[in-house]
């Protein structure tokens, strides 16, 4: 399993981005809390398949 730094650097490289080292450090620092928040959402029953936001349909 890759470390947070390895994952972030691989994602940046995969998309061909050039990111300053201080911003990479910021992404690495924020990766674990963001990942934990996403995992918490997936643990809630029924959330996985629900709409992520209210949908506005102008035709109704």
PDB file of N, CA and C in Angstrom:
ATOM      1  N   UNK A   1       0.852  -1.180   0.000  1.00  0.00           N
ATOM      2  CA  UNK A   1       0.000   0.000   0.000  1.00  0.00           C
ATOM      3  C   UNK A   1       0.899   1.244   0.000  1.00  0.00           C
ATOM      4  N   UNK A   2       0.626   2.177  -0.891  1.00  0.00           N
ATOM      5  CA  UNK A   2       1.485   3.372  -0.957  1.00  0.00           C
ATOM      6  C   UNK A   2       1.249   4.308   0.223  1.00  0.00           C
ATOM      7  N   UNK A   3       2.275   5.058   0.544  1.00  0.00           N
ATOM      8  CA  UNK A   3       2.121   6.084   1.574  1.00  0.00           C
ATOM      9  C   UNK A   3       1.291   7.223   0.993  1.00  0.00           C
ATOM     10  N   UNK A   4       0.836   8.123   1.863  1.00  0.00           N
ATOM     11  CA  UNK A   4       0.064   9.276   1.379  1.00  0.00           C
ATOM     12  C   UNK A   4       0.874  10.076   0.370  1.00  0.00           C
ATOM     13  N   UNK A   5       2.156  10.287   0.664  1.00  0.00           N
ATOM     14  CA  UNK A   5       3.020  11.056  -0.238  1.00  0.00           C
ATOM     15  C   UNK A   5       3.134  10.355  -1.591  1.00  0.00           C
ATOM     16  N   UNK A   6       3.348   9.049  -1.569  1.00  0.00           N
ATOM     17  CA  UNK A   6       3.471   8.298  -2.823  1.00  0.00           C
ATOM     18  C   UNK A   6       2.184   8.389  -3.631  1.00  0.00           C
ATOM     19  N   UNK A   7       1.039   8.281  -2.955  1.00  0.00           N
ATOM     20  CA  UNK A   7      -0.240   8.358  -3.657  1.00  0.00           C
ATOM     21  C   UNK A   7      -0.426   9.736  -4.288  1.00  0.00           C
ATOM     22  N   UNK A   8      -0.193  10.794  -3.518  1.00  0.00           N
ATOM     23  CA  UNK A   8      -0.371  12.160  -4.024  1.00  0.00           C
ATOM     24  C   UNK A   8       0.583  12.429  -5.183  1.00  0.00           C
ATOM     25  N   UNK A   9       1.842  12.063  -5.034  1.00  0.00           N
ATOM     26  CA  UNK A   9       2.813  12.298  -6.104  1.00  0.00           C
ATOM     27  C   UNK A   9       2.464  11.502  -7.358  1.00  0.00           C
ATOM     28  N   UNK A  10       1.959  10.282  -7.201  1.00  0.00           N
ATOM     29  CA  UNK A  10       1.553   9.479  -8.356  1.00  0.00           C
ATOM     30  C   UNK A  10       0.355  10.111  -9.062  1.00  0.00           C
ATOM     31  N   UNK A  11      -0.596  10.628  -8.295  1.00  0.00           N
ATOM     32  CA  UNK A  11      -1.768  11.281  -8.886  1.00  0.00           C
ATOM     33  C   UNK A  11      -1.358  12.532  -9.654  1.00  0.00           C
ATOM     34  N   UNK A  12      -0.454  13.295  -9.090  1.00  0.00           N
ATOM     35  CA  UNK A  12       0.037  14.510  -9.766  1.00  0.00           C
ATOM     36  C   UNK A  12       0.750  14.129 -11.060  1.00  0.00           C
ATOM     37  N   UNK A  13       1.614  13.127 -10.994  1.00  0.00           N
ATOM     38  CA  UNK A  13       2.360  12.692 -12.180  1.00  0.00           C
ATOM     39  C   UNK A  13       1.430  12.116 -13.243  1.00  0.00           C
ATOM     40  N   UNK A  14       0.433  11.345 -12.819  1.00  0.00           N
ATOM     41  CA  UNK A  14      -0.498  10.720 -13.759  1.00  0.00           C
ATOM     42  C   UNK A  14      -1.219  11.771 -14.598  1.00  0.00           C
ATOM     43  N   UNK A  15      -1.464  12.920 -14.013  1.00  0.00           N
ATOM     44  CA  UNK A  15      -2.183  13.974 -14.724  1.00  0.00           C
ATOM     45  C   UNK A  15      -1.250  15.005 -15.356  1.00  0.00           C
ATOM     46  N   UNK A  16       0.052  14.749 -15.265  1.00  0.00           N
ATOM     47  CA  UNK A  16       1.029  15.615 -15.923  1.00  0.00           C
ATOM     48  C   UNK A  16       1.108  17.016 -15.353  1.00  0.00           C
ATOM     49  N   UNK A  17       0.840  17.142 -14.077  1.00  0.00           N
ATOM     50  CA  UNK A  17       0.853  18.467 -13.455  1.00  0.00           C
ATOM     51  C   UNK A  17       2.218  18.790 -12.873  1.00  0.00           C
ATOM     52  N   UNK A  18       2.526  20.068 -12.838  1.00  0.00           N
ATOM     53  CA  UNK A  18       3.726  20.547 -12.172  1.00  0.00           C
ATOM     54  C   UNK A  18       3.263  21.304 -10.941  1.00  0.00           C
ATOM     55  N   UNK A  19       3.581  20.776  -9.782  1.00  0.00           N
ATOM     56  CA  UNK A  19       3.107  21.362  -8.527  1.00  0.00           C
ATOM     57  C   UNK A  19       4.316  21.707  -7.665  1.00  0.00           C
ATOM     58  N   UNK A  20       4.356  22.936  -7.131  1.00  0.00           N
ATOM     59  CA  UNK A  20       5.472  23.316  -6.260  1.00  0.00           C
ATOM     60  C   UNK A  20       5.537  22.398  -5.029  1.00  0.00           C
ATOM     61  N   UNK A  21       6.737  22.156  -4.518  1.00  0.00           N
ATOM     62  CA  UNK A  21       6.905  21.248  -3.368  1.00  0.00           C
ATOM     63  C   UNK A  21       6.067  21.619  -2.151  1.00  0.00           C
ATOM     64  N   UNK A  22       5.904  22.921  -1.882  1.00  0.00           N
ATOM     65  CA  UNK A  22       5.108  23.315  -0.712  1.00  0.00           C
ATOM     66  C   UNK A  22       3.635  22.947  -0.886  1.00  0.00           C
ATOM     67  N   UNK A  23       3.132  22.979  -2.123  1.00  0.00           N
ATOM     68  CA  UNK A  23       1.746  22.586  -2.371  1.00  0.00           C
ATOM     69  C   UNK A  23       1.594  21.072  -2.293  1.00  0.00           C
ATOM     70  N   UNK A  24       2.611  20.341  -2.736  1.00  0.00           N
ATOM     71  CA  UNK A  24       2.577  18.882  -2.600  1.00  0.00           C
ATOM     72  C   UNK A  24       2.493  18.533  -1.118  1.00  0.00           C
ATOM     73  N   UNK A  25       3.276  19.207  -0.286  1.00  0.00           N
ATOM     74  CA  UNK A  25       3.232  18.977   1.158  1.00  0.00           C
ATOM     75  C   UNK A  25       1.829  19.254   1.713  1.00  0.00           C
ATOM     76  N   UNK A  26       1.176  20.302   1.220  1.00  0.00           N
ATOM     77  CA  UNK A  26      -0.179  20.629   1.655  1.00  0.00           C
ATOM     78  C   UNK A  26      -1.163  19.525   1.245  1.00  0.00           C
ATOM     79  N   UNK A  27      -1.044  19.044   0.006  1.00  0.00           N
ATOM     80  CA  UNK A  27      -1.909  17.951  -0.456  1.00  0.00           C
ATOM     81  C   UNK A  27      -1.691  16.695   0.377  1.00  0.00           C
ATOM     82  N   UNK A  28      -0.441  16.396   0.678  1.00  0.00           N
ATOM     83  CA  UNK A  28      -0.120  15.208   1.476  1.00  0.00           C
ATOM     84  C   UNK A  28      -0.718  15.348   2.881  1.00  0.00           C
ATOM     85  N   UNK A  29      -0.597  16.518   3.469  1.00  0.00           N
ATOM     86  CA  UNK A  29      -1.124  16.747   4.819  1.00  0.00           C
ATOM     87  C   UNK A  29      -2.645  16.633   4.859  1.00  0.00           C
ATOM     88  N   UNK A  30      -3.307  16.995   3.767  1.00  0.00           N
ATOM     89  CA  UNK A  30      -4.765  16.974   3.733  1.00  0.00           C
ATOM     90  C   UNK A  30      -5.346  15.676   3.197  1.00  0.00           C
ATOM     91  N   UNK A  31      -4.526  14.809   2.640  1.00  0.00           N
ATOM     92  CA  UNK A  31      -5.029  13.583   2.024  1.00  0.00           C
ATOM     93  C   UNK A  31      -5.697  12.666   3.060  1.00  0.00           C
ATOM     94  N   UNK A  32      -5.041  12.400   4.176  1.00  0.00           N
ATOM     95  CA  UNK A  32      -5.588  11.477   5.177  1.00  0.00           C
ATOM     96  C   UNK A  32      -6.925  11.964   5.751  1.00  0.00           C
ATOM     97  N   UNK A  33      -7.050  13.243   6.143  1.00  0.00           N
ATOM     98  CA  UNK A  33      -8.356  13.700   6.649  1.00  0.00           C
ATOM     99  C   UNK A  33      -9.459  13.642   5.584  1.00  0.00           C
ATOM    100  N   UNK A  34      -9.124  13.964   4.353  1.00  0.00           N
ATOM    101  CA  UNK A  34     -10.125  13.896   3.278  1.00  0.00           C
ATOM    102  C   UNK A  34     -10.537  12.451   3.020  1.00  0.00           C
ATOM    103  N   UNK A  35      -9.577  11.556   3.004  1.00  0.00           N
ATOM    104  CA  UNK A  35      -9.872  10.141   2.790  1.00  0.00           C
ATOM    105  C   UNK A  35     -10.738   9.591   3.927  1.00  0.00           C
ATOM    106  N   UNK A  36     -10.447   9.987   5.154  1.00  0.00           N
ATOM    107  CA  UNK A  36     -11.233   9.544   6.307  1.00  0.00           C
ATOM    108  C   UNK A  36     -12.672  10.058   6.210  1.00  0.00           C
ATOM    109  N   UNK A  37     -12.846  11.298   5.768  1.00  0.00           N
ATOM    110  CA  UNK A  37     -14.190  11.859   5.617  1.00  0.00           C
ATOM    111  C   UNK A  37     -14.978  11.103   4.554  1.00  0.00           C
ATOM    112  N   UNK A  38     -14.329  10.772   3.448  1.00  0.00           N
ATOM    113  CA  UNK A  38     -15.005   9.998   2.401  1.00  0.00           C
ATOM    114  C   UNK A  38     -15.386   8.610   2.895  1.00  0.00           C
ATOM    115  N   UNK A  39     -14.497   7.969   3.610  1.00  0.00           N
ATOM    116  CA  UNK A  39     -14.797   6.642   4.147  1.00  0.00           C
ATOM    117  C   UNK A  39     -15.960   6.708   5.131  1.00  0.00           C
ATOM    118  N   UNK A  40     -16.059   7.786   5.917  1.00  0.00           N
ATOM    119  CA  UNK A  40     -17.175   7.945   6.850  1.00  0.00           C
ATOM    120  C   UNK A  40     -18.490   8.072   6.095  1.00  0.00           C
ATOM    121  N   UNK A  41     -18.478   8.777   4.977  1.00  0.00           N
ATOM    122  CA  UNK A  41     -19.696   8.895   4.169  1.00  0.00           C
ATOM    123  C   UNK A  41     -20.138   7.544   3.627  1.00  0.00           C
ATOM    124  N   UNK A  42     -19.195   6.740   3.176  1.00  0.00           N
ATOM    125  CA  UNK A  42     -19.534   5.432   2.630  1.00  0.00           C
ATOM    126  C   UNK A  42     -20.043   4.469   3.710  1.00  0.00           C
ATOM    127  N   UNK A  43     -19.738   4.731   4.968  1.00  0.00           N
ATOM    128  CA  UNK A  43     -20.219   3.870   6.049  1.00  0.00           C
ATOM    129  C   UNK A  43     -21.681   4.127   6.389  1.00  0.00           C
ATOM    130  N   UNK A  44     -22.215   5.273   5.968  1.00  0.00           N
ATOM    131  CA  UNK A  44     -23.622   5.586   6.242  1.00  0.00           C
ATOM    132  C   UNK A  44     -24.515   4.767   5.316  1.00  0.00           C
ATOM    133  N   UNK A  45     -25.490   4.099   5.883  1.00  0.00           N
ATOM    134  CA  UNK A  45     -26.396   3.279   5.081  1.00  0.00           C
ATOM    135  C   UNK A  45     -27.144   4.122   4.056  1.00  0.00           C
ATOM    136  N   UNK A  46     -27.164   3.669   2.829  1.00  0.00           N
ATOM    137  CA  UNK A  46     -27.933   4.308   1.778  1.00  0.00           C
ATOM    138  C   UNK A  46     -27.276   5.496   1.102  1.00  0.00           C
ATOM    139  N   UNK A  47     -26.222   6.031   1.657  1.00  0.00           N
ATOM    140  CA  UNK A  47     -25.612   7.237   1.082  1.00  0.00           C
ATOM    141  C   UNK A  47     -24.884   6.932  -0.221  1.00  0.00           C
ATOM    142  N   UNK A  48     -24.313   5.769  -0.317  1.00  0.00           N
ATOM    143  CA  UNK A  48     -23.489   5.446  -1.477  1.00  0.00           C
ATOM    144  C   UNK A  48     -24.232   5.623  -2.797  1.00  0.00           C
ATOM    145  N   UNK A  49     -25.510   5.317  -2.827  1.00  0.00           N
ATOM    146  CA  UNK A  49     -26.245   5.350  -4.089  1.00  0.00           C
ATOM    147  C   UNK A  49     -27.214   6.525  -4.185  1.00  0.00           C
ATOM    148  N   UNK A  50     -27.159   7.430  -3.261  1.00  0.00           N
ATOM    149  CA  UNK A  50     -28.027   8.594  -3.291  1.00  0.00           C
ATOM    150  C   UNK A  50     -27.414   9.707  -4.144  1.00  0.00           C
ATOM    151  N   UNK A  51     -28.250  10.657  -4.516  1.00  0.00           N
ATOM    152  CA  UNK A  51     -27.773  11.823  -5.261  1.00  0.00           C
ATOM    153  C   UNK A  51     -26.914  12.676  -4.329  1.00  0.00           C
ATOM    154  N   UNK A  52     -25.779  13.200  -4.819  1.00  0.00           N
ATOM    155  CA  UNK A  52     -24.887  13.975  -3.953  1.00  0.00           C
ATOM    156  C   UNK A  52     -25.417  15.358  -3.597  1.00  0.00           C
ATOM    157  N   UNK A  53     -26.417  15.857  -4.333  1.00  0.00           N
ATOM    158  CA  UNK A  53     -26.946  17.186  -4.065  1.00  0.00           C
ATOM    159  C   UNK A  53     -28.370  17.258  -4.609  1.00  0.00           C
ATOM    160  N   UNK A  54     -29.078  18.286  -4.233  1.00  0.00           N
ATOM    161  CA  UNK A  54     -30.434  18.497  -4.745  1.00  0.00           C
ATOM    162  C   UNK A  54     -30.316  18.797  -6.230  1.00  0.00           C
ATOM    163  N   UNK A  55     -31.196  18.166  -7.002  1.00  0.00           N
ATOM    164  CA  UNK A  55     -31.199  18.369  -8.444  1.00  0.00           C
ATOM    165  C   UNK A  55     -32.327  19.320  -8.814  1.00  0.00           C
ATOM    166  N   UNK A  56     -32.010  20.352  -9.536  1.00  0.00           N
ATOM    167  CA  UNK A  56     -33.015  21.316 -10.008  1.00  0.00           C
ATOM    168  C   UNK A  56     -33.375  20.971 -11.434  1.00  0.00           C
ATOM    169  N   UNK A  57     -34.646  20.737 -11.659  1.00  0.00           N
ATOM    170  CA  UNK A  57     -35.115  20.436 -13.007  1.00  0.00           C
ATOM    171  C   UNK A  57     -36.074  21.561 -13.419  1.00  0.00           C
ATOM    172  N   UNK A  58     -35.665  22.388 -14.356  1.00  0.00           N
ATOM    173  CA  UNK A  58     -36.465  23.524 -14.786  1.00  0.00           C
ATOM    174  C   UNK A  58     -37.712  23.113 -15.537  1.00  0.00           C
ATOM    175  N   UNK A  59     -37.801  21.874 -15.966  1.00  0.00           N
ATOM    176  CA  UNK A  59     -38.953  21.409 -16.745  1.00  0.00           C
ATOM    177  C   UNK A  59     -40.134  20.985 -15.870  1.00  0.00           C
ATOM    178  N   UNK A  60     -39.968  20.927 -14.560  1.00  0.00           N
ATOM    179  CA  UNK A  60     -41.085  20.485 -13.714  1.00  0.00           C
ATOM    180  C   UNK A  60     -41.743  21.638 -13.019  1.00  0.00           C
TER     181      UNK A  60
END
